[in-house]
Amino acid sequence: MTPREATEPLDLDRHSPDEFEGKSVIVNGTAYRIAGFVGQGAEKVVHRLVNLRSGLAYHVIKVYRDQALADRYIDERRQGYAQLKQYFSDHVPDYIIMYANNGWYELQDSIALLRFDDPAPQTREEFDAARAAVERQDADAALAHLDEILRINPFHTQALAESSEILVAQGERAEALARYYRAVTIEPNYCAYYKGLMQLTYQLGMPFLTLDAEQEMKRHFPYQEEMSEVTAAALLACGEPQAAIEVLTSCQRKDVDRDLASKVRTAAESLLDARRRAMHHWAAAGEAVVANQPEEAARALQAALGESPGDPWLLANKALLAARAGSPGAEGELARAMAALRIDYHPACMTSLAYHAQLTAPGTPTALDALSAPAEPPSGFEGQRSGPTPAPALLWLDLDGALCLPIATVAEVLAPAALAAYARTSNAAYRTVAQLYLAWSGP
């Protein structure tokens, strides 16, 4: 039997420790096979854990010997981890404690202090060659070796993550992001991938995706504070200075990057002051929108920007007005603004973009590619267009607008639409978008 073959589920009511090996567990929707025995102590029995899709072992599973005392052990464990994480966040393994398979057990990173070693001889040889190429600064050769690994094993998460870093340096933004998302989808219980995804999206100037990755990381690792500085910087970039300050204030880590934290805090306080000065102009703009006076609203927003230049929320509202007025070039301005807004705000922006496409080019492929399912027009614009109302989603060609829909919508609607558009037009941009959607939604 190979490590990637599914086996009988672990049952802690029936299976004794000497029967653990070969059994399977599912953690956060991902299946693993319990592999070789690692060690044991008074409290736990420890085995390696192999991801059934990738064949890689990033974790050990620690099964509590005495389930009746597990509650006490778990509380002590969490307290001990919390204290260690405050002082040595980069050198303490991440963990998940859960009740499943009729008992309590932990997943813990098994390579927190060690370099990754590939278990398969053929891909291990390619990995060694890729690392040697990186050391001699030959990015093309390193990428070729990593691509060969992915040809052999498309689910090799480490090759996906490391090739993503090379692709970013080469300017291949869409492919880099697609590969890292695929790695996280295949191995969602490895915290280092969320940290890497947060760094990548922030580096690409897409802080809304940084915050989305941070939220998903906290869902599995609620204690995690190692990325607090990046989270705060992303919140500030998304126009949420007060939230950025609160993240920095609540962070308990002793090894926080004080220089970055200080810069973010200073910039956040400055933005709050500017917003206070701009508030009366912003309020006037809102009143003008309610009164259906778009020109007056635009003037008031411009005055607000004079007090708070570069404010992400003001810029986004300005772009929204321009898009809903059908102004030339507004779709690009709004797509850029979306990169600095949390995902919560994207549906309104997407509705406006769909509306703009129908206003400026009704019936053309550009408008038709903004999905044709019925949807209500934006408030205040009822009756101002003919033909079907596009759904509040576009077939995005700008990467900044990608990955902001429910996975089901991406997999069932957008990916097929992108592939159909590519077949119709032979425009490689559509194919790239389809690949990105498919990577995000999973195979």
Protein backbone atom coordinates (compact mmCIF):
# COMPACT_ATOMS: atom_id res chain seq x y z
CA MET A 1 0.00 0.00 0.00
CA THR A 2 1.30 3.47 -0.90
CA PRO A 3 1.04 6.48 1.44
CA ARG A 4 -1.50 8.12 -0.91
CA GLU A 5 -4.05 5.29 -0.82
CA ALA A 6 -7.16 5.78 1.29
CA THR A 7 -7.65 3.34 4.16
CA GLU A 8 -9.99 2.57 7.02
CA PRO A 9 -10.85 5.64 9.14
CA LEU A 10 -9.26 5.86 12.56
CA ASP A 11 -11.65 4.96 15.37
CA LEU A 12 -10.26 5.77 18.81
CA ASP A 13 -13.01 3.71 20.46
CA ARG A 14 -11.78 0.56 18.70
CA HIS A 15 -8.19 1.02 17.59
CA SER A 16 -5.28 0.63 20.00
CA PRO A 17 -2.03 2.59 19.45
CA ASP A 18 -0.37 -0.30 17.65
CA GLU A 19 -3.22 -0.20 15.09
CA PHE A 20 -3.00 3.52 14.26
CA GLU A 21 -0.60 3.20 11.34
CA GLY A 22 -2.39 2.93 8.01
CA LYS A 23 -5.65 4.42 9.26
CA SER A 24 -7.02 7.70 7.85
CA VAL A 25 -8.30 10.96 9.33
CA ILE A 26 -9.97 14.00 7.77
CA VAL A 27 -9.06 17.45 9.06
CA ASN A 28 -10.82 20.54 7.70
CA GLY A 29 -11.97 18.59 4.66
CA THR A 30 -8.51 17.18 3.84
CA ALA A 31 -7.76 13.46 4.04
CA TYR A 32 -4.57 12.09 5.59
CA ARG A 33 -3.08 8.65 6.14
CA ILE A 34 -1.38 7.89 9.45
CA ALA A 35 2.16 6.85 8.59
CA GLY A 36 5.16 5.65 10.57
CA PHE A 37 5.53 5.79 14.34
CA VAL A 38 7.62 8.76 15.53
CA GLY A 39 7.60 8.47 19.30
CA GLN A 40 5.50 8.46 22.44
CA GLY A 41 5.34 9.97 25.88
CA ALA A 42 3.20 9.75 28.96
CA GLU A 43 0.40 11.74 27.32
CA LYS A 44 0.50 11.06 23.55
CA VAL A 45 1.40 8.64 20.79
CA VAL A 46 2.96 10.35 17.75
CA HIS A 47 2.90 9.31 14.08
CA ARG A 48 3.74 10.99 10.80
CA LEU A 49 0.74 12.13 8.77
CA VAL A 50 0.65 12.01 4.95
CA ASN A 51 -1.63 14.16 2.79
CA LEU A 52 -3.46 11.74 0.50
CA ARG A 53 -3.51 14.16 -2.44
CA SER A 54 0.06 15.42 -2.36
CA GLY A 55 1.76 12.42 -0.79
CA LEU A 56 3.72 14.86 1.40
CA ALA A 57 4.06 14.79 5.18
CA TYR A 58 3.95 18.23 6.77
CA HIS A 59 2.44 17.09 10.06
CA VAL A 60 2.57 14.61 12.85
CA ILE A 61 -0.57 13.41 14.59
CA LYS A 62 -0.46 13.24 18.39
CA VAL A 63 -3.18 11.04 19.86
CA TYR A 64 -3.94 11.42 23.56
CA ARG A 65 -3.43 8.17 25.42
CA ASP A 66 -5.95 8.86 28.19
CA GLN A 67 -8.98 10.46 26.56
CA ALA A 68 -10.59 11.00 29.97
CA LEU A 69 -7.77 13.42 30.88
CA ALA A 70 -7.57 15.04 27.44
CA ASP A 71 -9.36 18.23 28.53
CA ARG A 72 -6.69 18.93 31.13
CA TYR A 73 -3.85 18.18 28.73
CA ILE A 74 -5.39 20.37 26.04
CA ASP A 75 -5.75 23.38 28.33
CA GLU A 76 -2.15 23.03 29.48
CA ARG A 77 -0.99 22.60 25.91
CA ARG A 78 -2.74 25.73 24.69
CA GLN A 79 -1.39 27.81 27.55
CA GLY A 80 2.12 26.57 26.94
CA TYR A 81 1.91 27.25 23.21
CA ALA A 82 0.55 30.75 23.82
CA GLN A 83 3.48 31.63 26.08
CA LEU A 84 6.06 30.24 23.65
CA LYS A 85 4.45 31.98 20.69
CA GLN A 86 4.80 35.37 22.39
CA TYR A 87 8.57 35.03 22.49
CA PHE A 88 9.54 32.63 19.71
CA SER A 89 6.80 32.86 17.12
CA ASP A 90 8.99 31.78 14.20
CA HIS A 91 10.28 28.66 15.95
CA VAL A 92 7.21 27.14 17.56
CA PRO A 93 5.25 24.60 15.49
CA ASP A 94 1.70 25.49 14.59
CA TYR A 95 -0.98 23.09 15.73
CA ILE A 96 -4.64 22.14 15.48
CA ILE A 97 -6.37 20.42 18.41
CA MET A 98 -9.62 18.69 17.52
CA TYR A 99 -12.15 16.10 18.54
CA ALA A 100 -12.87 13.58 15.78
CA ASN A 101 -12.74 9.85 15.15
CA ASN A 102 -14.21 9.35 18.64
CA GLY A 103 -11.36 11.06 20.45
CA TRP A 104 -8.99 13.99 20.89
CA TYR A 105 -5.78 14.45 18.93
CA GLU A 106 -3.44 17.16 17.64
CA LEU A 107 -2.00 17.99 14.28
CA GLN A 108 1.38 19.68 14.57
CA ASP A 109 3.80 20.93 11.95
CA SER A 110 6.60 18.43 11.66
CA ILE A 111 9.04 20.66 9.74
CA ALA A 112 8.89 23.95 11.64
CA LEU A 113 12.61 23.81 12.39
CA LEU A 114 13.68 21.58 9.51
CA ARG A 115 14.02 22.07 5.78
CA PHE A 116 11.50 20.28 3.60
CA ASP A 117 12.56 16.83 2.37
CA ASP A 118 10.67 15.24 -0.52
CA PRO A 119 9.76 11.58 0.16
CA ALA A 120 9.66 10.52 -3.53
CA PRO A 121 13.11 9.80 -5.04
CA GLN A 122 12.33 11.21 -8.50
CA THR A 123 10.87 14.49 -7.28
CA ARG A 124 13.46 14.74 -4.50
CA GLU A 125 16.19 14.79 -7.14
CA GLU A 126 14.40 17.56 -9.01
CA PHE A 127 13.95 19.49 -5.77
CA ASP A 128 17.64 19.30 -4.96
CA ALA A 129 18.42 20.53 -8.47
CA ALA A 130 15.92 23.40 -8.09
CA ARG A 131 17.52 24.52 -4.84
CA ALA A 132 20.98 24.36 -6.36
CA ALA A 133 19.73 26.55 -9.22
CA VAL A 134 18.30 29.05 -6.75
CA GLU A 135 21.63 29.22 -4.91
CA ARG A 136 23.44 30.06 -8.15
CA GLN A 137 20.64 32.57 -8.98
CA ASP A 138 19.43 30.71 -12.08
CA ALA A 139 15.69 31.30 -11.74
CA ASP A 140 14.79 29.80 -15.13
CA ALA A 141 16.52 26.52 -14.32
CA ALA A 142 14.94 26.40 -10.85
CA LEU A 143 11.48 26.98 -12.33
CA ALA A 144 12.08 24.25 -14.93
CA HIS A 145 12.92 21.73 -12.21
CA LEU A 146 9.88 22.74 -10.14
CA ASP A 147 7.64 22.48 -13.20
CA GLU A 148 8.98 18.98 -13.79
CA ILE A 149 8.00 18.07 -10.23
CA LEU A 150 4.49 19.37 -10.92
CA ARG A 151 4.35 17.33 -14.12
CA ILE A 152 5.12 14.22 -12.06
CA ASN A 153 2.89 15.22 -9.12
CA PRO A 154 0.44 18.09 -9.84
CA PHE A 155 -0.49 18.19 -6.15
CA HIS A 156 3.05 18.81 -4.90
CA THR A 157 2.34 21.80 -2.67
CA GLN A 158 5.95 22.71 -1.94
CA ALA A 159 6.74 22.91 -5.66
CA LEU A 160 3.63 25.05 -6.16
CA ALA A 161 4.66 27.45 -3.37
CA GLU A 162 8.33 27.75 -4.32
CA SER A 163 7.64 28.14 -8.04
CA SER A 164 5.12 30.86 -7.17
CA GLU A 165 7.88 32.91 -5.56
CA ILE A 166 9.99 32.64 -8.72
CA LEU A 167 7.06 33.56 -10.96
CA VAL A 168 6.41 36.72 -8.94
CA ALA A 169 9.98 37.84 -9.54
CA GLN A 170 9.47 37.18 -13.26
CA GLY A 171 6.31 39.27 -13.38
CA GLU A 172 3.91 36.35 -13.84
CA ARG A 173 1.40 37.62 -11.31
CA ALA A 174 -1.64 35.55 -12.27
CA GLU A 175 0.20 32.24 -12.48
CA ALA A 176 2.08 32.93 -9.24
CA LEU A 177 -1.11 33.64 -7.36
CA ALA A 178 -2.91 30.67 -8.90
CA ARG A 179 -0.17 28.29 -7.80
CA TYR A 180 -0.09 29.54 -4.24
CA TYR A 181 -3.87 29.34 -3.92
CA ARG A 182 -3.71 25.79 -5.23
CA ALA A 183 -1.12 24.89 -2.59
CA VAL A 184 -3.36 26.23 0.18
CA THR A 185 -6.38 24.39 -1.25
CA ILE A 186 -4.51 21.06 -1.30
CA GLU A 187 -2.94 21.53 2.15
CA PRO A 188 -5.18 23.88 4.18
CA ASN A 189 -3.79 22.78 7.55
CA TYR A 190 -0.24 24.03 7.05
CA CYS A 191 -0.08 27.51 8.54
CA ALA A 192 3.10 28.53 6.71
CA TYR A 193 1.16 28.54 3.43
CA TYR A 194 -1.31 31.11 4.75
CA LYS A 195 1.58 33.30 5.90
CA GLY A 196 3.20 32.98 2.49
CA LEU A 197 -0.08 33.80 0.74
CA MET A 198 -0.50 36.89 2.90
CA GLN A 199 3.02 38.05 2.04
CA LEU A 200 2.47 37.35 -1.67
CA THR A 201 -0.85 39.14 -1.99
CA TYR A 202 0.41 42.14 -0.06
CA GLN A 203 3.54 42.25 -2.22
CA LEU A 204 1.31 42.20 -5.33
CA GLY A 205 -0.63 45.21 -4.04
CA MET A 206 -3.81 43.23 -3.35
CA PRO A 207 -4.41 43.82 0.37
CA PHE A 208 -8.03 42.67 0.20
CA LEU A 209 -6.72 39.17 -0.59
CA THR A 210 -4.20 39.52 2.24
CA LEU A 211 -7.05 40.06 4.68
CA ASP A 212 -9.03 37.20 3.17
CA ALA A 213 -6.05 34.85 3.63
CA GLU A 214 -5.60 36.10 7.21
CA GLN A 215 -9.25 35.39 7.98
CA GLU A 216 -8.95 31.85 6.62
CA MET A 217 -5.72 31.31 8.58
CA LYS A 218 -7.42 32.43 11.82
CA ARG A 219 -10.28 30.01 11.14
CA HIS A 220 -7.84 27.10 11.48
CA PHE A 221 -5.23 28.72 13.73
CA PRO A 222 -7.12 31.22 15.92
CA TYR A 223 -4.12 31.89 18.15
CA GLN A 224 -1.89 32.95 15.25
CA GLU A 225 -0.38 36.46 15.57
CA GLU A 226 2.83 36.11 13.55
CA MET A 227 1.45 38.20 10.68
CA SER A 228 -0.08 40.99 12.76
CA GLU A 229 2.13 43.67 11.20
CA VAL A 230 1.16 42.59 7.68
CA THR A 231 -2.51 42.36 8.69
CA ALA A 232 -2.38 45.88 10.09
CA ALA A 233 -0.64 47.19 6.96
CA ALA A 234 -3.28 45.52 4.77
CA LEU A 235 -6.11 46.99 6.84
CA LEU A 236 -4.56 50.43 6.47
CA ALA A 237 -4.21 49.94 2.69
CA CYS A 238 -7.89 48.94 2.59
CA GLY A 239 -8.89 52.19 4.26
CA GLU A 240 -9.44 50.83 7.78
CA PRO A 241 -6.95 52.76 9.95
CA GLN A 242 -8.77 52.22 13.25
CA ALA A 243 -8.83 48.47 12.72
CA ALA A 244 -5.11 48.55 11.89
CA ILE A 245 -4.34 50.33 15.16
CA GLU A 246 -6.48 47.83 17.11
CA VAL A 247 -4.59 44.87 15.61
CA LEU A 248 -1.24 46.38 16.60
CA THR A 249 -2.48 47.26 20.08
CA SER A 250 -3.82 43.78 20.78
CA CYS A 251 -0.75 41.92 19.47
CA GLN A 252 1.06 40.21 22.38
CA ARG A 253 4.17 39.04 20.52
CA LYS A 254 7.55 40.07 21.91
CA ASP A 255 9.31 39.74 18.52
CA VAL A 256 6.99 42.10 16.64
CA ASP A 257 8.62 44.13 13.84
CA ARG A 258 8.59 47.40 15.73
CA ASP A 259 9.75 49.49 12.77
CA LEU A 260 6.91 48.32 10.52
CA ALA A 261 4.39 48.51 13.36
CA SER A 262 5.43 52.10 14.12
CA LYS A 263 5.14 53.14 10.46
CA VAL A 264 1.69 51.59 10.14
CA ARG A 265 0.46 53.18 13.36
CA THR A 266 1.75 56.64 12.36
CA ALA A 267 0.16 56.39 8.91
CA ALA A 268 -3.13 55.13 10.39
CA GLU A 269 -3.33 58.01 12.85
CA SER A 270 -2.57 60.45 10.03
CA LEU A 271 -5.40 58.98 7.90
CA LEU A 272 -7.83 59.23 10.82
CA ASP A 273 -6.96 62.91 11.25
CA ALA A 274 -7.40 63.56 7.51
CA ARG A 275 -10.77 61.82 7.52
CA ARG A 276 -11.98 64.00 10.35
CA ARG A 277 -11.12 67.06 8.26
CA ALA A 278 -12.85 65.59 5.20
CA MET A 279 -15.94 64.33 7.01
CA HIS A 280 -18.28 67.23 6.17
CA HIS A 281 -17.44 66.95 2.45
CA TRP A 282 -18.00 63.19 2.59
CA ALA A 283 -21.38 63.69 4.28
CA ALA A 284 -22.35 66.21 1.60
CA ALA A 285 -21.46 63.69 -1.10
CA GLY A 286 -23.70 61.10 0.53
CA GLU A 287 -26.59 63.54 0.67
CA ALA A 288 -26.09 64.35 -3.02
CA VAL A 289 -26.18 60.65 -3.94
CA VAL A 290 -29.47 60.22 -2.05
CA ALA A 291 -30.85 63.28 -3.85
CA ASN A 292 -29.78 61.78 -7.22
CA GLN A 293 -27.31 64.64 -7.88
CA PRO A 294 -24.25 62.77 -9.18
CA GLU A 295 -22.40 65.90 -10.30
CA GLU A 296 -22.73 67.49 -6.86
CA ALA A 297 -21.67 64.21 -5.27
CA ALA A 298 -18.56 64.12 -7.45
CA ARG A 299 -17.64 67.70 -6.49
CA ALA A 300 -18.07 66.95 -2.79
CA LEU A 301 -15.96 63.79 -3.06
CA GLN A 302 -13.21 65.74 -4.82
CA ALA A 303 -13.25 68.27 -1.98
CA ALA A 304 -13.00 65.43 0.52
CA LEU A 305 -10.02 64.03 -1.36
CA GLY A 306 -8.40 67.45 -1.05
CA GLU A 307 -8.43 66.97 2.71
CA SER A 308 -7.64 63.25 2.67
CA PRO A 309 -5.70 62.51 -0.53
CA GLY A 310 -5.23 58.86 -1.40
CA ASP A 311 -7.98 57.73 0.96
CA PRO A 312 -9.00 54.26 -0.38
CA TRP A 313 -12.66 54.67 0.52
CA LEU A 314 -12.96 58.10 -1.07
CA LEU A 315 -11.20 56.92 -4.23
CA ALA A 316 -13.47 53.87 -4.43
CA ASN A 317 -16.60 55.99 -4.03
CA LYS A 318 -15.35 58.36 -6.71
CA ALA A 319 -14.79 55.40 -9.05
CA LEU A 320 -18.23 53.99 -8.23
CA LEU A 321 -19.85 57.27 -9.24
CA ALA A 322 -17.86 57.38 -12.46
CA ALA A 323 -18.76 53.79 -13.35
CA ARG A 324 -22.45 54.27 -12.72
CA ALA A 325 -22.35 57.42 -14.86
CA GLY A 326 -20.77 55.49 -17.73
CA SER A 327 -17.62 57.64 -17.73
CA PRO A 328 -14.88 56.48 -20.14
CA GLY A 329 -12.17 54.51 -18.39
CA ALA A 330 -14.16 54.17 -15.18
CA GLU A 331 -13.96 50.38 -15.22
CA GLY A 332 -10.16 50.47 -14.90
CA GLU A 333 -10.32 53.04 -12.12
CA LEU A 334 -12.87 50.97 -10.21
CA ALA A 335 -10.94 47.71 -10.71
CA ARG A 336 -7.87 49.38 -9.22
CA ALA A 337 -9.92 50.73 -6.34
CA MET A 338 -11.21 47.24 -5.59
CA ALA A 339 -7.66 46.10 -4.86
CA ALA A 340 -7.79 48.41 -1.84
CA LEU A 341 -11.20 47.35 -0.52
CA ARG A 342 -12.11 44.38 1.62
CA ILE A 343 -14.01 41.61 -0.15
CA ASP A 344 -17.18 42.62 1.71
CA TYR A 345 -17.40 45.71 -0.50
CA HIS A 346 -16.75 43.98 -3.84
CA PRO A 347 -20.34 43.04 -4.79
CA ALA A 348 -21.32 46.72 -5.00
CA CYS A 349 -18.28 47.44 -7.14
CA MET A 350 -18.96 44.49 -9.41
CA THR A 351 -22.58 45.52 -9.88
CA SER A 352 -21.37 48.95 -10.94
CA LEU A 353 -18.85 47.49 -13.35
CA ALA A 354 -21.48 45.27 -14.96
CA TYR A 355 -23.74 48.29 -15.21
CA HIS A 356 -20.93 50.35 -16.77
CA ALA A 357 -20.28 47.63 -19.39
CA GLN A 358 -23.92 47.59 -20.44
CA LEU A 359 -24.12 51.40 -20.53
CA THR A 360 -21.00 51.94 -22.60
CA ALA A 361 -21.20 48.93 -24.93
CA PRO A 362 -24.68 47.34 -24.84
CA GLY A 363 -24.91 44.03 -26.62
CA THR A 364 -21.20 43.80 -27.42
CA PRO A 365 -18.97 40.91 -26.28
CA THR A 366 -17.61 43.17 -23.53
CA ALA A 367 -21.07 43.60 -22.09
CA LEU A 368 -22.19 40.03 -22.77
CA ASP A 369 -19.17 38.64 -20.97
CA ALA A 370 -20.54 40.32 -17.85
CA LEU A 371 -22.77 37.30 -17.17
CA SER A 372 -26.33 37.61 -18.47
CA ALA A 373 -28.24 36.16 -15.51
CA PRO A 374 -31.02 38.49 -14.32
CA ALA A 375 -30.17 40.85 -11.47
CA GLU A 376 -31.59 44.04 -10.08
CA PRO A 377 -29.99 47.30 -11.29
CA PRO A 378 -28.17 49.46 -8.74
CA SER A 379 -30.39 51.62 -6.57
CA GLY A 380 -31.29 54.85 -8.35
CA PHE A 381 -30.68 53.50 -11.86
CA GLU A 382 -33.90 51.55 -12.44
CA GLY A 383 -35.30 51.90 -15.96
CA GLN A 384 -32.18 53.52 -17.39
CA ARG A 385 -31.09 50.62 -19.58
CA SER A 386 -32.63 48.26 -22.09
CA GLY A 387 -31.97 44.57 -22.51
CA PRO A 388 -31.03 42.05 -19.82
CA THR A 389 -29.47 43.26 -16.63
CA PRO A 390 -26.05 41.62 -16.19
CA ALA A 391 -25.46 39.76 -12.95
CA PRO A 392 -23.28 41.50 -10.34
CA ALA A 393 -20.14 39.82 -11.65
CA LEU A 394 -17.78 40.34 -14.58
CA LEU A 395 -15.55 37.99 -16.46
CA TRP A 396 -12.51 39.69 -15.01
CA LEU A 397 -9.50 40.35 -17.20
CA ASP A 398 -7.85 42.46 -14.50
CA LEU A 399 -6.28 40.27 -11.83
CA ASP A 400 -7.15 42.82 -9.15
CA GLY A 401 -10.78 41.89 -9.56
CA ALA A 402 -10.30 38.13 -9.40
CA LEU A 403 -11.01 35.67 -6.61
CA CYS A 404 -13.70 37.71 -4.90
CA LEU A 405 -16.72 35.46 -5.46
CA PRO A 406 -18.06 32.34 -3.75
CA ILE A 407 -16.17 29.24 -4.85
CA ALA A 408 -19.33 27.66 -6.30
CA THR A 409 -19.89 30.68 -8.54
CA VAL A 410 -16.27 30.58 -9.65
CA ALA A 411 -16.30 26.87 -10.46
CA GLU A 412 -19.77 26.57 -11.99
CA VAL A 413 -20.15 29.90 -13.79
CA LEU A 414 -17.00 31.97 -14.23
CA ALA A 415 -14.48 29.29 -15.16
CA PRO A 416 -16.69 27.84 -17.95
CA ALA A 417 -17.49 31.37 -19.15
CA ALA A 418 -13.80 32.22 -19.32
CA LEU A 419 -13.00 29.05 -21.26
CA ALA A 420 -15.87 29.72 -23.66
CA ALA A 421 -14.62 33.26 -24.22
CA TYR A 422 -11.13 31.92 -24.93
CA ALA A 423 -12.52 29.40 -27.44
CA ARG A 424 -14.48 32.17 -29.16
CA THR A 425 -11.77 34.83 -29.27
CA SER A 426 -8.41 32.99 -28.88
CA ASN A 427 -7.49 35.79 -26.44
CA ALA A 428 -4.94 34.28 -24.05
CA ALA A 429 -6.09 36.62 -21.29
CA TYR A 430 -9.33 34.63 -21.01
CA ARG A 431 -7.38 31.39 -20.67
CA THR A 432 -5.25 32.88 -17.89
CA VAL A 433 -8.37 33.98 -16.02
CA ALA A 434 -9.91 30.52 -16.42
CA GLN A 435 -6.77 28.90 -15.01
CA LEU A 436 -6.86 31.28 -12.07
CA TYR A 437 -10.52 30.53 -11.37
CA LEU A 438 -9.94 26.78 -11.61
CA ALA A 439 -6.95 26.95 -9.27
CA TRP A 440 -8.96 28.96 -6.75
CA SER A 441 -11.98 26.66 -6.81
CA GLY A 442 -9.90 23.47 -6.77
CA PRO A 443 -9.88 20.53 -9.16
